[in-house]
Amino acid sequence: MSVTTEDLKRALRISHSEDDAMLSAYLLTAKQFVISAIDQTLTDENFGDDPRFDFAVSLLAQHWYINRGVDGATYVPDSVVSMIQQLRGVDYATGK
């Protein structure tokens, strides 16, 4: 599973499409941020169906959307950091 713009809109309770481009950009950037924080040699395909990856990406994109224009770009929520730390401990060659 991979987080989609529609998933993000549901999580944020957004019913309009005016911010779709912004949400897509936040989602793509959050995905790259999380991957880079874990291991820059990986891609999103390495994470398969690990819900922690999708959760971290979704939470970070939501955080950036909610805090746009504030100090949201410099702070990473503790829940995202926790997911990243857990994902760093996984051996992606074996999945354990």
PDB file of N, CA and C in Angstrom:
ATOM      1  N   MET A   1       0.842  -1.184   0.000  1.00  0.00           N
ATOM      2  CA  MET A   1       0.000   0.000   0.000  1.00  0.00           C
ATOM      3  C   MET A   1       0.882   1.241   0.000  1.00  0.00           C
ATOM      4  N   SER A   2       0.445   2.220  -0.665  1.00  0.00           N
ATOM      5  CA  SER A   2       1.146   3.495  -0.684  1.00  0.00           C
ATOM      6  C   SER A   2       0.117   4.593  -0.442  1.00  0.00           C
ATOM      7  N   VAL A   3       0.487   5.569   0.326  1.00  0.00           N
ATOM      8  CA  VAL A   3      -0.436   6.657   0.656  1.00  0.00           C
ATOM      9  C   VAL A   3      -0.730   7.467  -0.602  1.00  0.00           C
ATOM     10  N   THR A   4      -1.995   7.740  -0.842  1.00  0.00           N
ATOM     11  CA  THR A   4      -2.411   8.532  -1.995  1.00  0.00           C
ATOM     12  C   THR A   4      -2.893   9.904  -1.542  1.00  0.00           C
ATOM     13  N   THR A   5      -3.069  10.775  -2.496  1.00  0.00           N
ATOM     14  CA  THR A   5      -3.614  12.101  -2.190  1.00  0.00           C
ATOM     15  C   THR A   5      -5.010  11.968  -1.599  1.00  0.00           C
ATOM     16  N   GLU A   6      -5.790  11.026  -2.102  1.00  0.00           N
ATOM     17  CA  GLU A   6      -7.141  10.808  -1.565  1.00  0.00           C
ATOM     18  C   GLU A   6      -7.087  10.335  -0.117  1.00  0.00           C
ATOM     19  N   ASP A   7      -6.136   9.458   0.217  1.00  0.00           N
ATOM     20  CA  ASP A   7      -5.953   9.024   1.607  1.00  0.00           C
ATOM     21  C   ASP A   7      -5.638  10.223   2.495  1.00  0.00           C
ATOM     22  N   LEU A   8      -4.757  11.068   2.006  1.00  0.00           N
ATOM     23  CA  LEU A   8      -4.353  12.252   2.758  1.00  0.00           C
ATOM     24  C   LEU A   8      -5.535  13.199   2.959  1.00  0.00           C
ATOM     25  N   LYS A   9      -6.328  13.384   1.919  1.00  0.00           N
ATOM     26  CA  LYS A   9      -7.504  14.254   2.021  1.00  0.00           C
ATOM     27  C   LYS A   9      -8.502  13.706   3.041  1.00  0.00           C
ATOM     28  N   ARG A  10      -8.694  12.381   3.062  1.00  0.00           N
ATOM     29  CA  ARG A  10      -9.599  11.785   4.053  1.00  0.00           C
ATOM     30  C   ARG A  10      -9.067  12.006   5.466  1.00  0.00           C
ATOM     31  N   ALA A  11      -7.770  11.807   5.651  1.00  0.00           N
ATOM     32  CA  ALA A  11      -7.171  11.988   6.973  1.00  0.00           C
ATOM     33  C   ALA A  11      -7.301  13.428   7.460  1.00  0.00           C
ATOM     34  N   LEU A  12      -7.216  14.363   6.524  1.00  0.00           N
ATOM     35  CA  LEU A  12      -7.307  15.791   6.862  1.00  0.00           C
ATOM     36  C   LEU A  12      -8.740  16.317   6.801  1.00  0.00           C
ATOM     37  N   ARG A  13      -9.662  15.445   6.399  1.00  0.00           N
ATOM     38  CA  ARG A  13     -11.083  15.811   6.249  1.00  0.00           C
ATOM     39  C   ARG A  13     -11.269  16.957   5.255  1.00  0.00           C
ATOM     40  N   ILE A  14     -10.613  16.815   4.111  1.00  0.00           N
ATOM     41  CA  ILE A  14     -10.711  17.805   3.037  1.00  0.00           C
ATOM     42  C   ILE A  14     -11.622  17.236   1.959  1.00  0.00           C
ATOM     43  N   SER A  15     -12.661  17.983   1.604  1.00  0.00           N
ATOM     44  CA  SER A  15     -13.603  17.496   0.592  1.00  0.00           C
ATOM     45  C   SER A  15     -13.450  18.206  -0.752  1.00  0.00           C
ATOM     46  N   HIS A  16     -12.692  19.286  -0.796  1.00  0.00           N
ATOM     47  CA  HIS A  16     -12.514  20.027  -2.050  1.00  0.00           C
ATOM     48  C   HIS A  16     -11.231  19.581  -2.746  1.00  0.00           C
ATOM     49  N   SER A  17     -11.045  20.035  -3.962  1.00  0.00           N
ATOM     50  CA  SER A  17      -9.853  19.642  -4.726  1.00  0.00           C
ATOM     51  C   SER A  17      -8.885  20.805  -4.947  1.00  0.00           C
ATOM     52  N   GLU A  18      -9.145  21.928  -4.311  1.00  0.00           N
ATOM     53  CA  GLU A  18      -8.320  23.123  -4.517  1.00  0.00           C
ATOM     54  C   GLU A  18      -6.861  22.927  -4.096  1.00  0.00           C
ATOM     55  N   ASP A  19      -6.630  22.095  -3.101  1.00  0.00           N
ATOM     56  CA  ASP A  19      -5.271  21.901  -2.586  1.00  0.00           C
ATOM     57  C   ASP A  19      -4.630  20.595  -3.053  1.00  0.00           C
ATOM     58  N   ASP A  20      -5.219  19.941  -4.034  1.00  0.00           N
ATOM     59  CA  ASP A  20      -4.706  18.640  -4.479  1.00  0.00           C
ATOM     60  C   ASP A  20      -3.249  18.696  -4.924  1.00  0.00           C
ATOM     61  N   ALA A  21      -2.870  19.706  -5.673  1.00  0.00           N
ATOM     62  CA  ALA A  21      -1.485  19.814  -6.144  1.00  0.00           C
ATOM     63  C   ALA A  21      -0.530  19.991  -4.964  1.00  0.00           C
ATOM     64  N   MET A  22      -0.926  20.803  -3.997  1.00  0.00           N
ATOM     65  CA  MET A  22      -0.099  21.022  -2.817  1.00  0.00           C
ATOM     66  C   MET A  22       0.019  19.729  -2.008  1.00  0.00           C
ATOM     67  N   LEU A  23      -1.097  19.031  -1.830  1.00  0.00           N
ATOM     68  CA  LEU A  23      -1.080  17.782  -1.075  1.00  0.00           C
ATOM     69  C   LEU A  23      -0.215  16.729  -1.768  1.00  0.00           C
ATOM     70  N   SER A  24      -0.293  16.671  -3.079  1.00  0.00           N
ATOM     71  CA  SER A  24       0.543  15.724  -3.834  1.00  0.00           C
ATOM     72  C   SER A  24       2.019  16.041  -3.649  1.00  0.00           C
ATOM     73  N   ALA A  25       2.352  17.318  -3.663  1.00  0.00           N
ATOM     74  CA  ALA A  25       3.743  17.735  -3.457  1.00  0.00           C
ATOM     75  C   ALA A  25       4.207  17.399  -2.042  1.00  0.00           C
ATOM     76  N   TYR A  26       3.360  17.659  -1.051  1.00  0.00           N
ATOM     77  CA  TYR A  26       3.704  17.315   0.329  1.00  0.00           C
ATOM     78  C   TYR A  26       3.907  15.811   0.465  1.00  0.00           C
ATOM     79  N   LEU A  27       3.050  15.040  -0.171  1.00  0.00           N
ATOM     80  CA  LEU A  27       3.127  13.587  -0.088  1.00  0.00           C
ATOM     81  C   LEU A  27       4.418  13.059  -0.710  1.00  0.00           C
ATOM     82  N   LEU A  28       4.751  13.539  -1.881  1.00  0.00           N
ATOM     83  CA  LEU A  28       5.979  13.116  -2.556  1.00  0.00           C
ATOM     84  C   LEU A  28       7.212  13.514  -1.746  1.00  0.00           C
ATOM     85  N   THR A  29       7.204  14.728  -1.224  1.00  0.00           N
ATOM     86  CA  THR A  29       8.337  15.216  -0.432  1.00  0.00           C
ATOM     87  C   THR A  29       8.458  14.458   0.883  1.00  0.00           C
ATOM     88  N   ALA A  30       7.324  14.183   1.529  1.00  0.00           N
ATOM     89  CA  ALA A  30       7.344  13.423   2.783  1.00  0.00           C
ATOM     90  C   ALA A  30       7.889  12.021   2.554  1.00  0.00           C
ATOM     91  N   LYS A  31       7.496  11.405   1.446  1.00  0.00           N
ATOM     92  CA  LYS A  31       7.986  10.064   1.118  1.00  0.00           C
ATOM     93  C   LYS A  31       9.506  10.086   0.955  1.00  0.00           C
ATOM     94  N   GLN A  32      10.023  11.060   0.215  1.00  0.00           N
ATOM     95  CA  GLN A  32      11.468  11.161   0.018  1.00  0.00           C
ATOM     96  C   GLN A  32      12.188  11.500   1.322  1.00  0.00           C
ATOM     97  N   PHE A  33      11.570  12.323   2.154  1.00  0.00           N
ATOM     98  CA  PHE A  33      12.151  12.685   3.444  1.00  0.00           C
ATOM     99  C   PHE A  33      12.317  11.441   4.309  1.00  0.00           C
ATOM    100  N   VAL A  34      11.257  10.646   4.416  1.00  0.00           N
ATOM    101  CA  VAL A  34      11.292   9.452   5.262  1.00  0.00           C
ATOM    102  C   VAL A  34      12.306   8.448   4.721  1.00  0.00           C
ATOM    103  N   ILE A  35      12.301   8.220   3.417  1.00  0.00           N
ATOM    104  CA  ILE A  35      13.265   7.289   2.820  1.00  0.00           C
ATOM    105  C   ILE A  35      14.692   7.755   3.088  1.00  0.00           C
ATOM    106  N   SER A  36      14.974   9.028   2.876  1.00  0.00           N
ATOM    107  CA  SER A  36      16.324   9.562   3.090  1.00  0.00           C
ATOM    108  C   SER A  36      16.750   9.469   4.545  1.00  0.00           C
ATOM    109  N   ALA A  37      15.804   9.616   5.455  1.00  0.00           N
ATOM    110  CA  ALA A  37      16.122   9.526   6.878  1.00  0.00           C
ATOM    111  C   ALA A  37      16.441   8.092   7.297  1.00  0.00           C
ATOM    112  N   ILE A  38      15.922   7.124   6.548  1.00  0.00           N
ATOM    113  CA  ILE A  38      16.160   5.717   6.873  1.00  0.00           C
ATOM    114  C   ILE A  38      17.428   5.216   6.189  1.00  0.00           C
ATOM    115  N   ASP A  39      17.466   5.325   4.864  1.00  0.00           N
ATOM    116  CA  ASP A  39      18.609   4.846   4.079  1.00  0.00           C
ATOM    117  C   ASP A  39      18.432   5.348   2.652  1.00  0.00           C
ATOM    118  N   GLN A  40      19.319   6.205   2.213  1.00  0.00           N
ATOM    119  CA  GLN A  40      19.178   6.839   0.901  1.00  0.00           C
ATOM    120  C   GLN A  40      19.309   5.874  -0.268  1.00  0.00           C
ATOM    121  N   THR A  41      19.764   4.659  -0.005  1.00  0.00           N
ATOM    122  CA  THR A  41      19.893   3.690  -1.096  1.00  0.00           C
ATOM    123  C   THR A  41      18.590   2.945  -1.362  1.00  0.00           C
ATOM    124  N   LEU A  42      17.576   3.154  -0.531  1.00  0.00           N
ATOM    125  CA  LEU A  42      16.300   2.456  -0.670  1.00  0.00           C
ATOM    126  C   LEU A  42      15.314   3.256  -1.514  1.00  0.00           C
ATOM    127  N   THR A  43      14.257   2.590  -1.950  1.00  0.00           N
ATOM    128  CA  THR A  43      13.131   3.252  -2.616  1.00  0.00           C
ATOM    129  C   THR A  43      11.871   2.872  -1.855  1.00  0.00           C
ATOM    130  N   ASP A  44      10.751   3.483  -2.201  1.00  0.00           N
ATOM    131  CA  ASP A  44       9.510   3.159  -1.496  1.00  0.00           C
ATOM    132  C   ASP A  44       9.102   1.703  -1.707  1.00  0.00           C
ATOM    133  N   GLU A  45       9.575   1.074  -2.772  1.00  0.00           N
ATOM    134  CA  GLU A  45       9.267  -0.336  -3.021  1.00  0.00           C
ATOM    135  C   GLU A  45       9.890  -1.248  -1.969  1.00  0.00           C
ATOM    136  N   ASN A  46      10.989  -0.824  -1.352  1.00  0.00           N
ATOM    137  CA  ASN A  46      11.627  -1.621  -0.311  1.00  0.00           C
ATOM    138  C   ASN A  46      10.753  -1.770   0.925  1.00  0.00           C
ATOM    139  N   PHE A  47       9.822  -0.866   1.107  1.00  0.00           N
ATOM    140  CA  PHE A  47       9.012  -0.879   2.320  1.00  0.00           C
ATOM    141  C   PHE A  47       7.744  -1.704   2.168  1.00  0.00           C
ATOM    142  N   GLY A  48       7.462  -2.151   0.937  1.00  0.00           N
ATOM    143  CA  GLY A  48       6.330  -3.039   0.692  1.00  0.00           C
ATOM    144  C   GLY A  48       5.062  -2.584   1.374  1.00  0.00           C
ATOM    145  N   ASP A  49       4.525  -3.457   2.188  1.00  0.00           N
ATOM    146  CA  ASP A  49       3.270  -3.177   2.881  1.00  0.00           C
ATOM    147  C   ASP A  49       3.484  -2.798   4.342  1.00  0.00           C
ATOM    148  N   ASP A  50       4.672  -2.337   4.689  1.00  0.00           N
ATOM    149  CA  ASP A  50       4.937  -1.969   6.083  1.00  0.00           C
ATOM    150  C   ASP A  50       4.106  -0.743   6.439  1.00  0.00           C
ATOM    151  N   PRO A  51       3.128  -0.893   7.324  1.00  0.00           N
ATOM    152  CA  PRO A  51       2.249   0.234   7.654  1.00  0.00           C
ATOM    153  C   PRO A  51       2.975   1.389   8.339  1.00  0.00           C
ATOM    154  N   ARG A  52       4.113   1.110   8.952  1.00  0.00           N
ATOM    155  CA  ARG A  52       4.857   2.185   9.617  1.00  0.00           C
ATOM    156  C   ARG A  52       5.364   3.207   8.612  1.00  0.00           C
ATOM    157  N   PHE A  53       5.781   2.737   7.439  1.00  0.00           N
ATOM    158  CA  PHE A  53       6.263   3.647   6.402  1.00  0.00           C
ATOM    159  C   PHE A  53       5.129   4.557   5.936  1.00  0.00           C
ATOM    160  N   ASP A  54       3.997   3.959   5.598  1.00  0.00           N
ATOM    161  CA  ASP A  54       2.853   4.751   5.139  1.00  0.00           C
ATOM    162  C   ASP A  54       2.377   5.714   6.221  1.00  0.00           C
ATOM    163  N   PHE A  55       2.381   5.248   7.470  1.00  0.00           N
ATOM    164  CA  PHE A  55       1.946   6.088   8.584  1.00  0.00           C
ATOM    165  C   PHE A  55       2.871   7.293   8.745  1.00  0.00           C
ATOM    166  N   ALA A  56       4.176   7.058   8.689  1.00  0.00           N
ATOM    167  CA  ALA A  56       5.144   8.154   8.827  1.00  0.00           C
ATOM    168  C   ALA A  56       4.990   9.162   7.695  1.00  0.00           C
ATOM    169  N   VAL A  57       4.840   8.672   6.467  1.00  0.00           N
ATOM    170  CA  VAL A  57       4.674   9.557   5.309  1.00  0.00           C
ATOM    171  C   VAL A  57       3.397  10.375   5.451  1.00  0.00           C
ATOM    172  N   SER A  58       2.308   9.720   5.805  1.00  0.00           N
ATOM    173  CA  SER A  58       1.027  10.419   5.949  1.00  0.00           C
ATOM    174  C   SER A  58       1.080  11.463   7.061  1.00  0.00           C
ATOM    175  N   LEU A  59       1.613  11.075   8.212  1.00  0.00           N
ATOM    176  CA  LEU A  59       1.698  12.023   9.333  1.00  0.00           C
ATOM    177  C   LEU A  59       2.536  13.247   8.990  1.00  0.00           C
ATOM    178  N   LEU A  60       3.653  13.024   8.310  1.00  0.00           N
ATOM    179  CA  LEU A  60       4.524  14.143   7.967  1.00  0.00           C
ATOM    180  C   LEU A  60       3.850  15.068   6.955  1.00  0.00           C
ATOM    181  N   ALA A  61       3.220  14.500   5.949  1.00  0.00           N
ATOM    182  CA  ALA A  61       2.514  15.318   4.955  1.00  0.00           C
ATOM    183  C   ALA A  61       1.368  16.090   5.607  1.00  0.00           C
ATOM    184  N   GLN A  62       0.636  15.442   6.510  1.00  0.00           N
ATOM    185  CA  GLN A  62      -0.442  16.135   7.228  1.00  0.00           C
ATOM    186  C   GLN A  62       0.122  17.279   8.060  1.00  0.00           C
ATOM    187  N   HIS A  63       1.213  17.026   8.748  1.00  0.00           N
ATOM    188  CA  HIS A  63       1.843  18.053   9.586  1.00  0.00           C
ATOM    189  C   HIS A  63       2.231  19.271   8.751  1.00  0.00           C
ATOM    190  N   TRP A  64       2.860  19.024   7.603  1.00  0.00           N
ATOM    191  CA  TRP A  64       3.269  20.137   6.743  1.00  0.00           C
ATOM    192  C   TRP A  64       2.067  20.905   6.219  1.00  0.00           C
ATOM    193  N   TYR A  65       0.991  20.202   5.896  1.00  0.00           N
ATOM    194  CA  TYR A  65      -0.203  20.877   5.382  1.00  0.00           C
ATOM    195  C   TYR A  65      -0.849  21.737   6.479  1.00  0.00           C
ATOM    196  N   ILE A  66      -1.016  21.161   7.642  1.00  0.00           N
ATOM    197  CA  ILE A  66      -1.665  21.873   8.753  1.00  0.00           C
ATOM    198  C   ILE A  66      -0.835  23.069   9.205  1.00  0.00           C
ATOM    199  N   ASN A  67       0.480  22.937   9.162  1.00  0.00           N
ATOM    200  CA  ASN A  67       1.370  23.988   9.665  1.00  0.00           C
ATOM    201  C   ASN A  67       2.042  24.791   8.563  1.00  0.00           C
ATOM    202  N   ARG A  68       1.470  24.775   7.371  1.00  0.00           N
ATOM    203  CA  ARG A  68       2.077  25.544   6.270  1.00  0.00           C
ATOM    204  C   ARG A  68       2.065  27.021   6.640  1.00  0.00           C
ATOM    205  N   GLY A  69       3.142  27.684   6.330  1.00  0.00           N
ATOM    206  CA  GLY A  69       3.235  29.105   6.634  1.00  0.00           C
ATOM    207  C   GLY A  69       3.659  29.389   8.060  1.00  0.00           C
ATOM    208  N   VAL A  70       3.731  28.350   8.877  1.00  0.00           N
ATOM    209  CA  VAL A  70       4.175  28.520  10.264  1.00  0.00           C
ATOM    210  C   VAL A  70       5.590  27.938  10.327  1.00  0.00           C
ATOM    211  N   ASP A  71       5.925  27.276  11.404  1.00  0.00           N
ATOM    212  CA  ASP A  71       7.250  26.697  11.561  1.00  0.00           C
ATOM    213  C   ASP A  71       7.229  25.209  11.245  1.00  0.00           C
ATOM    214  N   GLY A  72       6.286  24.785  10.436  1.00  0.00           N
ATOM    215  CA  GLY A  72       6.086  23.373  10.154  1.00  0.00           C
ATOM    216  C   GLY A  72       7.206  22.705   9.400  1.00  0.00           C
ATOM    217  N   ALA A  73       7.973  23.446   8.638  1.00  0.00           N
ATOM    218  CA  ALA A  73       9.013  22.834   7.811  1.00  0.00           C
ATOM    219  C   ALA A  73      10.264  22.486   8.605  1.00  0.00           C
ATOM    220  N   THR A  74      10.427  23.053   9.782  1.00  0.00           N
ATOM    221  CA  THR A  74      11.647  22.802  10.539  1.00  0.00           C
ATOM    222  C   THR A  74      11.462  21.774  11.645  1.00  0.00           C
ATOM    223  N   TYR A  75      10.236  21.469  12.008  1.00  0.00           N
ATOM    224  CA  TYR A  75       9.967  20.527  13.089  1.00  0.00           C
ATOM    225  C   TYR A  75       9.382  19.241  12.512  1.00  0.00           C
ATOM    226  N   VAL A  76       9.927  18.112  12.926  1.00  0.00           N
ATOM    227  CA  VAL A  76       9.378  16.815  12.536  1.00  0.00           C
ATOM    228  C   VAL A  76       8.697  16.232  13.773  1.00  0.00           C
ATOM    229  N   PRO A  77       7.413  15.903  13.675  1.00  0.00           N
ATOM    230  CA  PRO A  77       6.690  15.377  14.835  1.00  0.00           C
ATOM    231  C   PRO A  77       7.362  14.130  15.422  1.00  0.00           C
ATOM    232  N   ASP A  78       7.282  13.998  16.734  1.00  0.00           N
ATOM    233  CA  ASP A  78       7.900  12.868  17.423  1.00  0.00           C
ATOM    234  C   ASP A  78       7.389  11.528  16.906  1.00  0.00           C
ATOM    235  N   SER A  79       6.119  11.457  16.543  1.00  0.00           N
ATOM    236  CA  SER A  79       5.565  10.198  16.038  1.00  0.00           C
ATOM    237  C   SER A  79       6.225   9.792  14.725  1.00  0.00           C
ATOM    238  N   VAL A  80       6.570  10.759  13.893  1.00  0.00           N
ATOM    239  CA  VAL A  80       7.260  10.467  12.632  1.00  0.00           C
ATOM    240  C   VAL A  80       8.685  10.008  12.924  1.00  0.00           C
ATOM    241  N   VAL A  81       9.360  10.691  13.836  1.00  0.00           N
ATOM    242  CA  VAL A  81      10.724  10.312  14.216  1.00  0.00           C
ATOM    243  C   VAL A  81      10.733   8.887  14.776  1.00  0.00           C
ATOM    244  N   SER A  82       9.744   8.550  15.594  1.00  0.00           N
ATOM    245  CA  SER A  82       9.644   7.208  16.162  1.00  0.00           C
ATOM    246  C   SER A  82       9.499   6.146  15.077  1.00  0.00           C
ATOM    247  N   MET A  83       8.649   6.404  14.088  1.00  0.00           N
ATOM    248  CA  MET A  83       8.472   5.452  12.985  1.00  0.00           C
ATOM    249  C   MET A  83       9.770   5.303  12.182  1.00  0.00           C
ATOM    250  N   ILE A  84      10.449   6.416  11.935  1.00  0.00           N
ATOM    251  CA  ILE A  84      11.715   6.377  11.193  1.00  0.00           C
ATOM    252  C   ILE A  84      12.741   5.540  11.956  1.00  0.00           C
ATOM    253  N   GLN A  85      12.834   5.725  13.263  1.00  0.00           N
ATOM    254  CA  GLN A  85      13.797   4.969  14.061  1.00  0.00           C
ATOM    255  C   GLN A  85      13.492   3.475  14.021  1.00  0.00           C
ATOM    256  N   GLN A  86      12.217   3.118  14.063  1.00  0.00           N
ATOM    257  CA  GLN A  86      11.852   1.704  13.971  1.00  0.00           C
ATOM    258  C   GLN A  86      12.209   1.134  12.604  1.00  0.00           C
ATOM    259  N   LEU A  87      11.959   1.899  11.557  1.00  0.00           N
ATOM    260  CA  LEU A  87      12.239   1.430  10.201  1.00  0.00           C
ATOM    261  C   LEU A  87      13.734   1.315   9.924  1.00  0.00           C
ATOM    262  N   ARG A  88      14.543   2.079  10.623  1.00  0.00           N
ATOM    263  CA  ARG A  88      16.001   1.981  10.452  1.00  0.00           C
ATOM    264  C   ARG A  88      16.520   0.627  10.915  1.00  0.00           C
ATOM    265  N   GLY A  89      15.802  -0.008  11.816  1.00  0.00           N
ATOM    266  CA  GLY A  89      16.251  -1.289  12.360  1.00  0.00           C
ATOM    267  C   GLY A  89      15.870  -2.494  11.525  1.00  0.00           C
ATOM    268  N   VAL A  90      15.176  -2.297  10.423  1.00  0.00           N
ATOM    269  CA  VAL A  90      14.727  -3.415   9.588  1.00  0.00           C
ATOM    270  C   VAL A  90      15.787  -3.745   8.545  1.00  0.00           C
ATOM    271  N   ASP A  91      16.059  -5.031   8.377  1.00  0.00           N
ATOM    272  CA  ASP A  91      16.958  -5.485   7.309  1.00  0.00           C
ATOM    273  C   ASP A  91      16.094  -5.701   6.074  1.00  0.00           C
ATOM    274  N   TYR A  92      16.186  -4.814   5.118  1.00  0.00           N
ATOM    275  CA  TYR A  92      15.289  -4.858   3.964  1.00  0.00           C
ATOM    276  C   TYR A  92      15.631  -5.969   2.983  1.00  0.00           C
ATOM    277  N   ALA A  93      16.782  -6.592   3.149  1.00  0.00           N
ATOM    278  CA  ALA A  93      17.112  -7.746   2.310  1.00  0.00           C
ATOM    279  C   ALA A  93      16.303  -8.969   2.751  1.00  0.00           C
ATOM    280  N   THR A  94      16.071  -9.080   4.067  1.00  0.00           N
ATOM    281  CA  THR A  94      15.328 -10.227   4.596  1.00  0.00           C
ATOM    282  C   THR A  94      13.933  -9.856   5.054  1.00  0.00           C
ATOM    283  N   GLY A  95      13.670  -8.561   5.249  1.00  0.00           N
ATOM    284  CA  GLY A  95      12.365  -8.120   5.728  1.00  0.00           C
ATOM    285  C   GLY A  95      12.202  -8.236   7.226  1.00  0.00           C
ATOM    286  N   LYS A  96      13.295  -8.473   7.952  1.00  0.00           N
ATOM    287  CA  LYS A  96      13.210  -8.625   9.412  1.00  0.00           C
ATOM    288  C   LYS A  96      13.995  -7.543  10.114  1.00  0.00           C
TER     289      LYS A  96
END
